[in-house]
Protein backbone atom coordinates (compact mmCIF):
# COMPACT_ATOMS: atom_id res chain seq x y z
CA MET A 1 3.67 0.72 0.28
CA HIS A 2 1.46 -2.19 -0.69
CA GLU A 3 1.54 -5.43 1.27
CA ILE A 4 -0.39 -8.69 1.30
CA ASP A 5 -1.91 -9.16 4.77
CA ASN A 6 -0.91 -12.84 5.02
CA ASP A 7 -1.99 -13.25 8.63
CA GLY A 8 -5.25 -11.31 8.10
CA ASN A 9 -4.88 -9.15 11.19
CA GLY A 10 -5.16 -5.78 9.38
CA LEU A 11 -1.77 -4.66 10.71
CA VAL A 12 1.60 -4.26 9.02
CA ASP A 13 3.85 -6.83 10.66
CA GLY A 14 6.35 -9.60 9.98
CA GLY A 15 3.66 -11.93 8.62
CA ASP A 16 3.04 -9.73 5.58
CA ALA A 17 4.67 -9.73 2.16
CA LEU A 18 5.87 -6.43 0.67
CA LEU A 19 4.68 -6.02 -2.92
CA GLY A 20 6.24 -2.64 -3.67
CA SER A 21 6.82 0.89 -2.46
CA ALA A 22 7.24 4.38 -3.89
CA GLY A 23 7.74 7.97 -2.88
CA PHE A 24 5.60 10.90 -3.91
CA SER A 25 6.76 13.01 -6.82
CA GLY A 26 4.72 16.18 -6.51
CA VAL A 27 1.18 14.99 -5.88
CA ASN A 28 1.45 11.49 -7.38
CA ALA A 29 3.07 8.18 -6.53
CA SER A 30 3.01 5.04 -8.66
CA VAL A 31 3.91 1.69 -7.17
CA ASN A 32 5.32 -0.98 -9.42
CA MET A 33 4.81 -4.34 -7.76
CA SER A 34 7.89 -6.54 -7.43
CA SER A 35 5.90 -9.50 -8.75
CA PRO A 36 2.44 -9.84 -10.33
CA LEU A 37 -0.52 -10.36 -8.03
CA THR A 38 -3.09 -12.85 -9.29
CA VAL A 39 -6.48 -12.81 -7.60
CA ASN A 40 -8.72 -15.81 -8.17
CA ASN A 41 -11.86 -16.85 -6.28
CA THR A 42 -10.04 -16.63 -2.95
CA PRO A 43 -10.11 -13.13 -1.41
CA VAL A 44 -6.77 -11.36 -0.89
CA LYS A 45 -6.37 -8.68 1.79
CA LEU A 46 -4.05 -5.84 0.80
CA LEU A 47 -2.64 -3.22 3.12
CA VAL A 48 -1.99 0.19 1.59
CA VAL A 49 0.20 2.16 3.97
CA TYR A 50 1.08 5.86 3.84
CA SER A 51 3.88 7.63 5.66
CA PHE A 52 3.59 11.42 5.61
CA SER A 53 6.24 13.94 6.53
CA ALA A 54 5.87 16.05 9.65
CA GLY A 55 5.44 19.06 7.34
CA ALA A 56 2.35 17.64 5.60
CA THR A 57 -0.63 20.01 5.43
CA VAL A 58 -3.10 19.39 8.23
CA GLY A 59 -6.60 18.73 6.86
CA ALA A 60 -5.37 17.75 3.40
CA THR A 61 -6.75 14.56 1.86
CA THR A 62 -5.26 11.68 -0.06
CA GLY A 63 -6.58 8.59 -1.81
CA VAL A 64 -5.60 5.44 -3.64
CA THR A 65 -6.62 3.69 -6.84
CA ILE A 66 -5.73 0.08 -7.49
CA ALA A 67 -6.01 -0.92 -11.13
C-alpha cells in the first residue's frame, strides 16, 4: 500500500490519501497508483506499508523500489 502522508506524522491514519495497493504474486508485487503523483519543488512524504501473513518466514527480508 502506498499513501501520501498528508498530516506528516509518519503514521497511517485518516489524514492520509491512499494511492494504490497490491498483493504479492510469488515474490513480487506491483502497485498501480489510482492517479498520477506529481512531485515538484515541494517535498512529498510517502508511506509504504506492508502487511505480512502470520506464516511469513522469520528473518526473511523485503524491500521496495519507487520508480
